[in-house]
C-alpha atoms as a PDB file:
ATOM      1  CA  MET A   1       0.416   0.186  -0.005  1.00  0.00           C
ATOM      2  CA  ARG A   2       1.245   3.338  -0.519  1.00  0.00           C
ATOM      3  CA  THR A   3       1.901   5.192   2.975  1.00  0.00           C
ATOM      4  CA  ASN A   4       3.092   8.094   0.980  1.00  0.00           C
ATOM      5  CA  ASP A   5      -0.741   8.073  -0.170  1.00  0.00           C
ATOM      6  CA  ALA A   6      -3.744   9.132   2.155  1.00  0.00           C
ATOM      7  CA  GLN A   7      -6.352   8.095   0.001  1.00  0.00           C
ATOM      8  CA  MET A   8      -5.950   4.412  -0.183  1.00  0.00           C
ATOM      9  CA  LEU A   9      -5.006   3.719   3.606  1.00  0.00           C
ATOM     10  CA  VAL A  10      -8.232   4.733   3.867  1.00  0.00           C
ATOM     11  CA  LEU A  11      -9.446   2.161   1.394  1.00  0.00           C
ATOM     12  CA  SER A  12      -7.342  -0.074   3.083  1.00  0.00           C
ATOM     13  CA  ALA A  13      -8.519   0.584   6.498  1.00  0.00           C
ATOM     14  CA  LEU A  14     -11.268   0.048   5.489  1.00  0.00           C
ATOM     15  CA  ALA A  15     -11.167  -3.578   4.257  1.00  0.00           C
ATOM     16  CA  ASP A  16     -12.867  -5.033   6.688  1.00  0.00           C
ATOM     17  CA  GLY A  17     -15.987  -3.342   7.636  1.00  0.00           C
ATOM     18  CA  PRO A  18     -16.831   0.608   8.194  1.00  0.00           C
ATOM     19  CA  LEU A  19     -15.065   2.473  10.641  1.00  0.00           C
ATOM     20  CA  HIS A  20     -15.398   6.488  11.937  1.00  0.00           C
ATOM     21  CA  GLY A  21     -13.217   8.758  11.236  1.00  0.00           C
ATOM     22  CA  TYR A  22     -11.273   8.184  14.747  1.00  0.00           C
ATOM     23  CA  ALA A  23     -11.241   4.138  14.123  1.00  0.00           C
ATOM     24  CA  VAL A  24     -10.088   4.908  10.797  1.00  0.00           C
ATOM     25  CA  ASN A  25      -6.696   6.623  10.981  1.00  0.00           C
ATOM     26  CA  THR A  26      -6.434   3.961  14.641  1.00  0.00           C
ATOM     27  CA  ALA A  27      -6.480   1.045  12.118  1.00  0.00           C
ATOM     28  CA  ILE A  28      -3.899   3.271   9.842  1.00  0.00           C
ATOM     29  CA  GLU A  29      -1.439   4.372  12.435  1.00  0.00           C
ATOM     30  CA  ARG A  30      -1.391   0.057  12.986  1.00  0.00           C
ATOM     31  CA  MET A  31      -0.073  -0.093   9.788  1.00  0.00           C
ATOM     32  CA  THR A  32       2.193   2.632   9.270  1.00  0.00           C
ATOM     33  CA  GLY A  33       2.602   3.639  12.436  1.00  0.00           C
ATOM     34  CA  ALA A  34       1.807   6.826  12.010  1.00  0.00           C
ATOM     35  CA  ARG A  35      -1.895   9.028  12.246  1.00  0.00           C
ATOM     36  CA  LEU A  36      -2.530  10.822   9.500  1.00  0.00           C
ATOM     37  CA  GLY A  37      -2.996  14.821   9.802  1.00  0.00           C
ATOM     38  CA  ARG A  38      -6.908  16.478  10.673  1.00  0.00           C
ATOM     39  CA  GLY A  39      -6.951  17.869   7.437  1.00  0.00           C
ATOM     40  CA  SER A  40      -5.086  14.791   5.246  1.00  0.00           C
ATOM     41  CA  LEU A  41      -7.645  12.788   6.738  1.00  0.00           C
ATOM     42  CA  SER A  42     -10.766  14.844   6.324  1.00  0.00           C
ATOM     43  CA  GLY A  43      -9.288  16.028   2.122  1.00  0.00           C
ATOM     44  CA  ALA A  44      -8.739  12.060   1.322  1.00  0.00           C
ATOM     45  CA  LEU A  45     -12.608  11.403   2.601  1.00  0.00           C
ATOM     46  CA  ALA A  46     -13.555  14.105   1.049  1.00  0.00           C
ATOM     47  CA  ARG A  47     -12.403  12.628  -2.293  1.00  0.00           C
ATOM     48  CA  LEU A  48     -13.175   8.877  -2.053  1.00  0.00           C
ATOM     49  CA  HIS A  49     -16.519   9.923  -1.507  1.00  0.00           C
ATOM     50  CA  GLY A  50     -16.568  12.865  -4.261  1.00  0.00           C
ATOM     51  CA  LYS A  51     -15.174   9.470  -6.975  1.00  0.00           C
ATOM     52  CA  GLY A  52     -17.578   7.311  -5.065  1.00  0.00           C
ATOM     53  CA  LEU A  53     -15.378   4.839  -3.650  1.00  0.00           C
ATOM     54  CA  ILE A  54     -16.779   5.353  -0.215  1.00  0.00           C
ATOM     55  CA  ALA A  55     -20.854   5.907   1.205  1.00  0.00           C
ATOM     56  CA  TYR A  56     -21.299   7.331   4.872  1.00  0.00           C
ATOM     57  CA  LEU A  57     -23.494   5.191   6.929  1.00  0.00           C
ATOM     58  CA  ASP A  58     -26.025   6.496   9.221  1.00  0.00           C
ATOM     59  CA  GLY A  59     -24.556   8.159  12.427  1.00  0.00           C
ATOM     60  CA  ASP A  60     -23.828  11.585  14.326  1.00  0.00           C
ATOM     61  CA  GLY A  61     -21.699  13.947  13.721  1.00  0.00           C
ATOM     62  CA  ARG A  62     -17.619  12.708  13.995  1.00  0.00           C
ATOM     63  CA  ARG A  63     -19.068   8.876  14.729  1.00  0.00           C
ATOM     64  CA  ARG A  64     -20.844   8.945  11.380  1.00  0.00           C
ATOM     65  CA  PRO A  65     -19.316   5.433   9.475  1.00  0.00           C
ATOM     66  CA  VAL A  66     -17.823   5.410   6.346  1.00  0.00           C
ATOM     67  CA  ARG A  67     -17.577   1.717   3.962  1.00  0.00           C
ATOM     68  CA  LEU A  68     -16.221   1.505   0.725  1.00  0.00           C
ATOM     69  CA  THR A  69     -18.295   1.051  -2.765  1.00  0.00           C
ATOM     70  CA  ASP A  70     -18.163  -1.573  -5.182  1.00  0.00           C
ATOM     71  CA  ASP A  71     -15.664   0.622  -7.026  1.00  0.00           C
ATOM     72  CA  GLY A  72     -13.946   1.832  -4.057  1.00  0.00           C
ATOM     73  CA  ARG A  73     -12.750  -1.960  -2.769  1.00  0.00           C
ATOM     74  CA  ALA A  74     -12.326  -2.882  -6.258  1.00  0.00           C
ATOM     75  CA  ALA A  75     -10.398   0.284  -6.726  1.00  0.00           C
ATOM     76  CA  LEU A  76      -8.704  -1.086  -3.722  1.00  0.00           C
ATOM     77  CA  GLY A  77      -7.774  -4.971  -4.843  1.00  0.00           C
ATOM     78  CA  ARG A  78      -6.295  -3.175  -7.852  1.00  0.00           C
ATOM     79  CA  GLU A  79      -3.883  -1.167  -5.905  1.00  0.00           C
ATOM     80  CA  LEU A  80      -3.133  -4.835  -3.894  1.00  0.00           C
ATOM     81  CA  GLY A  81      -2.554  -6.379  -7.294  1.00  0.00           C
ATOM     82  CA  ALA A  82       0.158  -3.808  -8.615  1.00  0.00           C
ATOM     83  CA  LEU A  83       2.080  -3.674  -5.098  1.00  0.00           C
ATOM     84  CA  ALA A  84       2.369  -7.667  -5.536  1.00  0.00           C
ATOM     85  CA  ASP A  85       3.442  -7.595  -9.159  1.00  0.00           C
ATOM     86  CA  VAL A  86       5.899  -4.959  -7.159  1.00  0.00           C
ATOM     87  CA  THR A  87       6.756  -7.515  -4.948  1.00  0.00           C
ATOM     88  CA  GLY A  88       7.082 -10.057  -7.441  1.00  0.00           C
ATOM     89  CA  ARG A  89       9.530  -8.020  -9.087  1.00  0.00           C
ATOM     90  CA  LEU A  90      11.781  -7.113  -6.198  1.00  0.00           C
ATOM     91  CA  PHE A  91      11.922  -9.873  -4.018  1.00  0.00           C
ATOM     92  CA  GLU A  92      12.866 -13.898  -4.692  1.00  0.00           C
ATOM     93  CA  THR A  93      10.069 -15.924  -4.186  1.00  0.00           C
ATOM     94  CA  VAL A  94      12.063 -19.289  -4.752  1.00  0.00           C
ATOM     95  CA  VAL A  95      14.928 -20.414  -2.912  1.00  0.00           C
ATOM     96  CA  PRO A  96      18.617 -19.890  -4.564  1.00  0.00           C
ATOM     97  CA  ASP A  97      20.960 -22.392  -5.641  1.00  0.00           C
ATOM     98  CA  ARG A  98      23.146 -23.107  -2.692  1.00  0.00           C
ATOM     99  CA  ILE A  99      26.367 -22.369  -4.634  1.00  0.00           C
ATOM    100  CA  ALA A 100      24.552 -19.469  -6.629  1.00  0.00           C
ATOM    101  CA  TYR A 101      24.271 -18.264  -3.135  1.00  0.00           C
ATOM    102  CA  GLN A 102      26.911 -18.677  -1.311  1.00  0.00           C
ATOM    103  CA  GLU A 103      28.348 -16.925  -4.387  1.00  0.00           C
ATOM    104  CA  ARG A 104      26.558 -14.129  -4.424  1.00  0.00           C
ATOM    105  CA  LEU A 105      26.789 -14.098  -0.373  1.00  0.00           C
ATOM    106  CA  ALA A 106      30.880 -13.904  -1.197  1.00  0.00           C
ATOM    107  CA  ALA A 107      30.604 -11.042  -3.666  1.00  0.00           C
ATOM    108  CA  THR A 108      28.391  -8.855  -1.357  1.00  0.00           C
ATOM    109  CA  ASP A 109      30.623  -5.895   0.800  1.00  0.00           C
ATOM    110  CA  GLN A 110      29.064  -7.098   4.114  1.00  0.00           C
ATOM    111  CA  VAL A 111      29.969 -10.446   3.816  1.00  0.00           C
ATOM    112  CA  ARG A 112      33.829  -9.342   1.447  1.00  0.00           C
ATOM    113  CA  ALA A 113      34.093  -6.494   5.096  1.00  0.00           C
ATOM    114  CA  TYR A 114      33.867  -9.533   7.838  1.00  0.00           C
ATOM    115  CA  LYS A 115      36.029 -11.910   5.311  1.00  0.00           C
ATOM    116  CA  GLN A 116      39.224  -9.183   5.433  1.00  0.00           C
ATOM    117  CA  VAL A 117      38.796  -9.087   9.500  1.00  0.00           C
ATOM    118  CA  LEU A 118      38.870 -13.008   9.875  1.00  0.00           C
ATOM    119  CA  LEU A 119      41.353 -13.719   7.277  1.00  0.00           C
ATOM    120  CA  ASP A 120      43.862 -10.394   9.668  1.00  0.00           C
ATOM    121  CA  ALA A 121      42.743 -12.742  12.802  1.00  0.00           C
ATOM    122  CA  LEU A 122      44.383 -16.020  10.234  1.00  0.00           C
ATOM    123  CA  ASP A 123      47.623 -14.008  10.153  1.00  0.00           C
ATOM    124  CA  ALA A 124      48.890 -17.561   7.559  1.00  0.00           C
ATOM    125  CA  ARG A 125      52.016 -17.725   7.071  1.00  0.00           C
ATOM    126  CA  PRO A 126      53.759 -18.626   3.991  1.00  0.00           C
ATOM    127  CA  GLY A 127      54.839 -22.933   4.863  1.00  0.00           C
ATOM    128  CA  HIS A 128      51.574 -23.544   6.603  1.00  0.00           C
ATOM    129  CA  LEU A 129      49.014 -26.105   6.621  1.00  0.00           C
ATOM    130  CA  VAL A 130      45.425 -24.257   7.113  1.00  0.00           C
ATOM    131  CA  LEU A 131      42.039 -25.983   6.543  1.00  0.00           C
ATOM    132  CA  ASP A 132      38.945 -23.642   5.211  1.00  0.00           C
ATOM    133  CA  TRP A 133      36.154 -26.217   7.274  1.00  0.00           C
ATOM    134  CA  GLY A 134      33.320 -25.599   5.444  1.00  0.00           C
ATOM    135  CA  CYS A 135      34.533 -24.017   2.104  1.00  0.00           C
ATOM    136  CA  GLY A 136      31.552 -24.223  -0.215  1.00  0.00           C
ATOM    137  CA  PRO A 137      32.117 -23.887  -3.527  1.00  0.00           C
ATOM    138  CA  GLY A 138      35.782 -22.365  -3.188  1.00  0.00           C
ATOM    139  CA  SER A 139      35.508 -18.514  -2.246  1.00  0.00           C
ATOM    140  CA  ASP A 140      37.807 -18.032  -0.744  1.00  0.00           C
ATOM    141  CA  LEU A 141      40.887 -20.403  -1.209  1.00  0.00           C
ATOM    142  CA  ASP A 142      42.599 -17.978  -3.725  1.00  0.00           C
ATOM    143  CA  ALA A 143      42.938 -16.182  -1.417  1.00  0.00           C
ATOM    144  CA  LEU A 144      43.781 -18.351   1.577  1.00  0.00           C
ATOM    145  CA  ALA A 145      46.240 -20.210  -0.668  1.00  0.00           C
ATOM    146  CA  ARG A 146      48.382 -16.510  -1.634  1.00  0.00           C
ATOM    147  CA  ALA A 147      49.162 -16.773   2.395  1.00  0.00           C
ATOM    148  CA  VAL A 148      50.772 -19.524   2.294  1.00  0.00           C
ATOM    149  CA  THR A 149      52.294 -19.555  -0.339  1.00  0.00           C
ATOM    150  CA  ALA A 150      53.916 -22.386  -2.885  1.00  0.00           C
ATOM    151  CA  ARG A 151      55.778 -23.925   0.796  1.00  0.00           C
ATOM    152  CA  GLY A 152      52.342 -24.841   2.258  1.00  0.00           C
ATOM    153  CA  ARG A 153      48.899 -26.143   1.535  1.00  0.00           C
ATOM    154  CA  VAL A 154      45.580 -24.863   1.851  1.00  0.00           C
ATOM    155  CA  LEU A 155      42.756 -27.695   2.187  1.00  0.00           C
ATOM    156  CA  GLY A 156      39.449 -27.324   1.567  1.00  0.00           C
ATOM    157  CA  ILE A 157      37.302 -29.421   3.298  1.00  0.00           C
ATOM    158  CA  ASP A 158      33.221 -29.491   2.465  1.00  0.00           C
ATOM    159  CA  HIS A 159      30.853 -32.635   3.151  1.00  0.00           C
ATOM    160  CA  ASP A 160      28.293 -31.899   0.380  1.00  0.00           C
ATOM    161  CA  PRO A 161      29.764 -33.674  -2.661  1.00  0.00           C
ATOM    162  CA  GLU A 162      28.683 -30.494  -4.816  1.00  0.00           C
ATOM    163  CA  MET A 163      30.703 -28.082  -3.477  1.00  0.00           C
ATOM    164  CA  VAL A 164      33.566 -29.940  -3.468  1.00  0.00           C
ATOM    165  CA  ARG A 165      33.994 -30.930  -7.272  1.00  0.00           C
ATOM    166  CA  ARG A 166      32.829 -27.310  -7.760  1.00  0.00           C
ATOM    167  CA  ALA A 167      35.953 -26.121  -5.387  1.00  0.00           C
ATOM    168  CA  GLY A 168      37.950 -28.992  -6.998  1.00  0.00           C
ATOM    169  CA  ALA A 169      37.828 -27.897 -10.496  1.00  0.00           C
ATOM    170  CA  LEU A 170      39.697 -24.640  -9.593  1.00  0.00           C
ATOM    171  CA  PRO A 171      43.448 -24.284 -10.607  1.00  0.00           C
ATOM    172  CA  HIS A 172      45.555 -25.633  -7.601  1.00  0.00           C
ATOM    173  CA  ALA A 173      43.071 -26.633  -4.883  1.00  0.00           C
ATOM    174  CA  HIS A 174      43.417 -29.177  -3.143  1.00  0.00           C
ATOM    175  CA  VAL A 175      39.635 -30.203  -1.805  1.00  0.00           C
ATOM    176  CA  LEU A 176      38.559 -32.886   0.895  1.00  0.00           C
ATOM    177  CA  HIS A 177      35.226 -35.077   0.922  1.00  0.00           C
ATOM    178  CA  ALA A 178      34.267 -35.327   4.784  1.00  0.00           C
ATOM    179  CA  ASP A 179      32.863 -34.456   7.769  1.00  0.00           C
ATOM    180  CA  VAL A 180      34.486 -31.918  10.218  1.00  0.00           C
ATOM    181  CA  HIS A 181      32.810 -33.632  13.358  1.00  0.00           C
ATOM    182  CA  ARG A 182      34.872 -36.623  12.879  1.00  0.00           C
ATOM    183  CA  LEU A 183      37.950 -35.527   9.815  1.00  0.00           C
ATOM    184  CA  PRO A 184      40.362 -38.701   8.187  1.00  0.00           C
ATOM    185  CA  LEU A 185      43.717 -36.174   8.928  1.00  0.00           C
ATOM    186  CA  ALA A 186      46.255 -36.808  11.969  1.00  0.00           C
ATOM    187  CA  ALA A 187      46.283 -35.031  15.369  1.00  0.00           C
ATOM    188  CA  ASP A 188      49.011 -32.277  15.885  1.00  0.00           C
ATOM    189  CA  SER A 189      48.625 -31.766  12.083  1.00  0.00           C
ATOM    190  CA  ALA A 190      47.586 -28.204  10.576  1.00  0.00           C
ATOM    191  CA  ASP A 191      48.841 -24.968  11.847  1.00  0.00           C
ATOM    192  CA  ARG A 192      45.769 -22.917  10.881  1.00  0.00           C
ATOM    193  CA  VAL A 193      42.012 -23.738  10.465  1.00  0.00           C
ATOM    194  CA  ARG A 194      39.175 -21.396   9.109  1.00  0.00           C
ATOM    195  CA  THR A 195      36.114 -21.681   8.833  1.00  0.00           C
ATOM    196  CA  ASP A 196      33.060 -19.011   8.158  1.00  0.00           C
ATOM    197  CA  ARG A 197      29.589 -19.166   8.831  1.00  0.00           C
ATOM    198  CA  LEU A 198      29.566 -22.703   9.687  1.00  0.00           C
ATOM    199  CA  LEU A 199      29.127 -23.813  12.818  1.00  0.00           C
ATOM    200  CA  GLN A 200      25.866 -22.323  12.815  1.00  0.00           C
ATOM    201  CA  HIS A 201      24.373 -25.871  10.872  1.00  0.00           C
ATOM    202  CA  LEU A 202      26.772 -28.087  13.494  1.00  0.00           C
ATOM    203  CA  ALA A 203      24.621 -31.164  14.585  1.00  0.00           C
ATOM    204  CA  ASP A 204      27.137 -31.364  17.177  1.00  0.00           C
ATOM    205  CA  VAL A 205      29.604 -28.652  16.850  1.00  0.00           C
ATOM    206  CA  PRO A 206      31.345 -29.102  20.888  1.00  0.00           C
ATOM    207  CA  ARG A 207      32.306 -32.157  19.020  1.00  0.00           C
ATOM    208  CA  ALA A 208      33.597 -30.183  16.013  1.00  0.00           C
ATOM    209  CA  LEU A 209      35.220 -27.766  18.541  1.00  0.00           C
ATOM    210  CA  ALA A 210      36.787 -31.264  19.640  1.00  0.00           C
ATOM    211  CA  GLU A 211      38.367 -32.072  16.677  1.00  0.00           C
ATOM    212  CA  ALA A 212      40.195 -28.414  15.568  1.00  0.00           C
ATOM    213  CA  HIS A 213      41.221 -28.718  18.821  1.00  0.00           C
ATOM    214  CA  ARG A 214      43.068 -32.990  17.245  1.00  0.00           C
ATOM    215  CA  VAL A 215      43.349 -31.937  14.644  1.00  0.00           C
ATOM    216  CA  LEU A 216      46.076 -28.498  14.773  1.00  0.00           C
ATOM    217  CA  ARG A 217      48.942 -28.471  16.534  1.00  0.00           C
ATOM    218  CA  PRO A 218      50.314 -26.844  19.682  1.00  0.00           C
ATOM    219  CA  GLY A 219      49.965 -23.156  19.610  1.00  0.00           C
ATOM    220  CA  GLY A 220      47.667 -23.252  15.660  1.00  0.00           C
ATOM    221  CA  ARG A 221      45.097 -21.358  15.770  1.00  0.00           C
ATOM    222  CA  LEU A 222      40.932 -21.722  14.691  1.00  0.00           C
ATOM    223  CA  VAL A 223      39.509 -18.569  13.135  1.00  0.00           C
ATOM    224  CA  ALA A 224      35.656 -18.966  13.031  1.00  0.00           C
ATOM    225  CA  ALA A 225      32.789 -16.016  12.043  1.00  0.00           C
ATOM    226  CA  GLU A 226      29.399 -16.609  12.819  1.00  0.00           C
ATOM    227  CA  PRO A 227      25.722 -14.797  13.186  1.00  0.00           C
ATOM    228  CA  ASP A 228      23.831 -14.171  16.203  1.00  0.00           C
ATOM    229  CA  TRP A 229      20.582 -14.553  14.827  1.00  0.00           C
ATOM    230  CA  ASP A 230      19.142 -12.474  17.772  1.00  0.00           C
ATOM    231  CA  THR A 231      20.766  -9.556  16.927  1.00  0.00           C
ATOM    232  CA  LEU A 232      18.562  -9.174  13.561  1.00  0.00           C
ATOM    233  CA  ALA A 233      16.540  -6.310  12.767  1.00  0.00           C
ATOM    234  CA  VAL A 234      14.551  -4.977  10.102  1.00  0.00           C
ATOM    235  CA  ASP A 235      13.117  -2.024  10.770  1.00  0.00           C
ATOM    236  CA  HIS A 236       9.392  -1.330  10.662  1.00  0.00           C
ATOM    237  CA  PRO A 237       6.628   0.773  11.794  1.00  0.00           C
ATOM    238  CA  ASP A 238       5.001  -2.422  14.024  1.00  0.00           C
ATOM    239  CA  LEU A 239       7.553  -3.283  16.954  1.00  0.00           C
ATOM    240  CA  ASP A 240       5.713  -7.174  17.103  1.00  0.00           C
ATOM    241  CA  ILE A 241       5.520  -7.614  13.958  1.00  0.00           C
ATOM    242  CA  ALA A 242       9.830  -6.623  13.461  1.00  0.00           C
ATOM    243  CA  ARG A 243       9.853  -9.074  16.131  1.00  0.00           C
ATOM    244  CA  ALA A 244       8.061 -11.592  15.389  1.00  0.00           C
ATOM    245  CA  TRP A 245       9.926 -11.732  11.867  1.00  0.00           C
ATOM    246  CA  SER A 246      12.709 -11.870  13.349  1.00  0.00           C
ATOM    247  CA  ARG A 247      12.627 -14.326  15.803  1.00  0.00           C
ATOM    248  CA  HIS A 248      10.661 -16.988  13.461  1.00  0.00           C
ATOM    249  CA  LEU A 249      14.351 -16.769  11.245  1.00  0.00           C
ATOM    250  CA  ALA A 250      15.952 -17.297  14.463  1.00  0.00           C
ATOM    251  CA  ASP A 251      14.083 -20.120  15.917  1.00  0.00           C
ATOM    252  CA  ARG A 252      12.998 -22.391  13.420  1.00  0.00           C
ATOM    253  CA  ILE A 253      15.464 -21.279   9.773  1.00  0.00           C
ATOM    254  CA  VAL A 254      18.200 -21.920  11.806  1.00  0.00           C
ATOM    255  CA  ARG A 255      20.275 -24.447  13.715  1.00  0.00           C
ATOM    256  CA  ASN A 256      22.126 -23.133  15.856  1.00  0.00           C
ATOM    257  CA  PRO A 257      21.613 -19.178  16.337  1.00  0.00           C
ATOM    258  CA  VAL A 258      22.986 -18.118  18.295  1.00  0.00           C
ATOM    259  CA  ILE A 259      26.621 -19.526  17.872  1.00  0.00           C
ATOM    260  CA  GLY A 260      28.287 -16.481  17.476  1.00  0.00           C
ATOM    261  CA  ARG A 261      28.045 -14.974  21.340  1.00  0.00           C
ATOM    262  CA  GLN A 262      28.088 -19.121  23.113  1.00  0.00           C
ATOM    263  CA  LEU A 263      31.269 -19.847  20.261  1.00  0.00           C
ATOM    264  CA  PRO A 264      33.881 -18.089  22.667  1.00  0.00           C
ATOM    265  CA  ARG A 265      32.726 -20.106  25.860  1.00  0.00           C
ATOM    266  CA  LEU A 266      32.614 -22.601  23.403  1.00  0.00           C
ATOM    267  CA  ALA A 267      36.310 -23.206  22.618  1.00  0.00           C
ATOM    268  CA  ALA A 268      37.084 -22.445  26.178  1.00  0.00           C
ATOM    269  CA  GLN A 269      35.191 -25.936  26.932  1.00  0.00           C
ATOM    270  CA  SER A 270      37.024 -27.897  23.936  1.00  0.00           C
ATOM    271  CA  GLY A 271      40.432 -26.496  25.528  1.00  0.00           C
ATOM    272  CA  LEU A 272      41.289 -23.754  23.341  1.00  0.00           C
ATOM    273  CA  ASP A 273      41.802 -19.928  24.587  1.00  0.00           C
ATOM    274  CA  VAL A 274      40.556 -17.284  23.478  1.00  0.00           C
ATOM    275  CA  ARG A 275      42.702 -15.484  22.032  1.00  0.00           C
ATOM    276  CA  ALA A 276      40.225 -12.522  20.460  1.00  0.00           C
ATOM    277  CA  VAL A 277      36.421 -11.988  19.950  1.00  0.00           C
ATOM    278  CA  VAL A 278      35.551  -9.575  16.816  1.00  0.00           C
ATOM    279  CA  PRO A 279      32.119  -8.373  15.967  1.00  0.00           C
ATOM    280  CA  VAL A 280      31.062  -7.639  13.049  1.00  0.00           C
ATOM    281  CA  THR A 281      27.827  -5.384  11.735  1.00  0.00           C
ATOM    282  CA  SER A 282      26.369  -5.957   9.040  1.00  0.00           C
ATOM    283  CA  VAL A 283      23.999  -3.494   7.743  1.00  0.00           C
ATOM    284  CA  TYR A 284      21.780  -3.117   4.625  1.00  0.00           C
ATOM    285  CA  ARG A 285      19.962   0.220   3.880  1.00  0.00           C
ATOM    286  CA  GLU A 286      18.931  -1.394   0.243  1.00  0.00           C
ATOM    287  CA  VAL A 287      16.436  -3.933   0.358  1.00  0.00           C
ATOM    288  CA  ARG A 288      17.009  -6.256  -2.913  1.00  0.00           C
ATOM    289  CA  ALA A 289      21.070  -6.379  -1.569  1.00  0.00           C
ATOM    290  CA  ALA A 290      19.349  -7.543   1.938  1.00  0.00           C
ATOM    291  CA  ASP A 291      16.346 -10.140   0.116  1.00  0.00           C
ATOM    292  CA  GLN A 292      19.515 -11.975  -1.370  1.00  0.00           C
ATOM    293  CA  VAL A 293      21.071 -12.754   1.914  1.00  0.00           C
ATOM    294  CA  LEU A 294      18.250 -12.081   4.721  1.00  0.00           C
ATOM    295  CA  GLY A 295      15.492 -14.520   2.088  1.00  0.00           C
ATOM    296  CA  LEU A 296      13.252 -11.774   3.647  1.00  0.00           C
ATOM    297  CA  HIS A 297      10.411 -13.080   1.577  1.00  0.00           C
ATOM    298  CA  ARG A 298      10.658 -16.893   2.136  1.00  0.00           C
ATOM    299  CA  ASN A 299      10.444 -16.191   5.741  1.00  0.00           C
ATOM    300  CA  THR A 300       7.910 -13.909   5.805  1.00  0.00           C
ATOM    301  CA  GLU A 301       5.687 -17.064   4.299  1.00  0.00           C
ATOM    302  CA  ARG A 302       7.654 -19.446   6.614  1.00  0.00           C
ATOM    303  CA  ALA A 303       6.999 -17.422   9.465  1.00  0.00           C
ATOM    304  CA  VAL A 304       3.032 -17.268   8.266  1.00  0.00           C
ATOM    305  CA  ALA A 305       3.285 -21.309   7.862  1.00  0.00           C
ATOM    306  CA  GLY A 306       5.199 -20.941  11.598  1.00  0.00           C
ATOM    307  CA  GLY A 307       1.805 -18.896  13.076  1.00  0.00           C
ATOM    308  CA  TYR A 308       4.756 -16.230  13.894  1.00  0.00           C
ATOM    309  CA  LEU A 309       2.798 -13.577  11.541  1.00  0.00           C
ATOM    310  CA  THR A 310      -0.953 -14.008  10.562  1.00  0.00           C
ATOM    311  CA  ARG A 311      -1.483 -13.208   6.713  1.00  0.00           C
ATOM    312  CA  ARG A 312      -2.582  -9.538   6.807  1.00  0.00           C
ATOM    313  CA  GLN A 313       1.244  -8.775   9.200  1.00  0.00           C
ATOM    314  CA  ALA A 314       3.061 -10.479   6.481  1.00  0.00           C
ATOM    315  CA  ASP A 315       0.556  -8.436   3.485  1.00  0.00           C
ATOM    316  CA  ASP A 316       2.247  -4.808   5.454  1.00  0.00           C
ATOM    317  CA  PHE A 317       5.632  -6.025   6.369  1.00  0.00           C
ATOM    318  CA  LEU A 318       6.247  -7.087   2.700  1.00  0.00           C
ATOM    319  CA  ASP A 319       5.065  -4.090   1.565  1.00  0.00           C
ATOM    320  CA  HIS A 320       6.517  -1.612   4.201  1.00  0.00           C
ATOM    321  CA  LEU A 321      10.188  -3.395   2.877  1.00  0.00           C
ATOM    322  CA  ALA A 322       8.717  -2.881  -0.637  1.00  0.00           C
ATOM    323  CA  ARG A 323       8.523   1.238  -0.399  1.00  0.00           C
ATOM    324  CA  GLY A 324      10.719   2.107   1.945  1.00  0.00           C
ATOM    325  CA  PRO A 325      13.561   3.879   3.819  1.00  0.00           C
ATOM    326  CA  PHE A 326      14.880   0.105   4.199  1.00  0.00           C
ATOM    327  CA  LEU A 327      16.738  -1.006   7.107  1.00  0.00           C
ATOM    328  CA  ALA A 328      17.957  -4.289   8.367  1.00  0.00           C
ATOM    329  CA  SER A 329      21.849  -4.743  10.614  1.00  0.00           C
ATOM    330  CA  VAL A 330      22.314  -8.599  11.938  1.00  0.00           C
ATOM    331  CA  THR A 331      25.762  -9.245  14.431  1.00  0.00           C
ATOM    332  CA  LEU A 332      28.561 -11.628  13.611  1.00  0.00           C
ATOM    333  CA  HIS A 333      31.366 -12.504  15.349  1.00  0.00           C
ATOM    334  CA  VAL A 334      35.089 -13.469  14.668  1.00  0.00           C
ATOM    335  CA  VAL A 335      36.336 -15.516  17.972  1.00  0.00           C
ATOM    336  CA  THR A 336      40.650 -16.086  16.813  1.00  0.00           C
ATOM    337  CA  ALA A 337      41.530 -19.183  19.327  1.00  0.00           C
ATOM    338  CA  GLU A 338      45.532 -21.274  19.812  1.00  0.00           C
ATOM    339  CA  LYS A 339      45.637 -24.528  21.203  1.00  0.00           C
ATOM    340  CA  PRO A 340      47.855 -24.137  24.407  1.00  0.00           C
ATOM    341  CA  ARG A 341      51.346 -25.018  23.750  1.00  0.00           C
ATOM    342  CA  ARG A 342      52.873 -28.346  25.059  1.00  0.00           C
END
């Protein structure tokens, strides 16, 4: 709904039945977070009445109810249809291919920013053996290989055969199809373990961290970048709707939604010494860019199916995001931990 169009806001407020003027403005406030000024409301009512889109019912003064006419309901339907067309063009409505999703994430400014923090913290040096856990299609293997030079080696590890095939096709790439919970590698064999947004999906994070401790050499380093999805914030005038949307994502979409905050504790419990925790907040001010990361439309539909949002709340949420201004943010933690020297 065009929130800058007072007439369309009035039509939307009347969609569920007749209301008097004060109640119309209350409904508009629930939808947009702000009431229309007295002049804007009265002007919109007068123009809609003049166009035959609303009709007054019996009543006294300001308490006189207003209803949609058949023409008014048709006009509202046309506007909603136009909005659905805009939403369909603006938001992704199908789940993207896994490899394409990883590759486009790696190309965004927000992801490049924290990946640089991760690379700096890793401090991979010539001659090192670096394990890239959850290497995906191999987006980061080249940068790691440059750091260790020809004297060292980078070994990408992924459990997905298609990811392994794609990464293994890269020049000079070494990729292993394996489960990070149980690696076919010798103890005390690796200088660095790098993992980027993998632990949030694992079935047993403590077991994986114990495996990192096992394969690292004394003094070796684990650097992990993991989000805390409880920090996800999407601006919307109705905080209950925004919070319900974010809560659904944390409750239902991600297996370990707050691993970012838990990781320092879990790493310490695995026997690693935690050296640093660096928070990196990604901010999105363009809805298309955020949709490519957050799946705004897909996860809104899932929130409806899961009972977190009503259909009307979901439509209002997507409408506001489509019309803007848009703002969303989420914080990821880059955790550096080392295996103690004997």
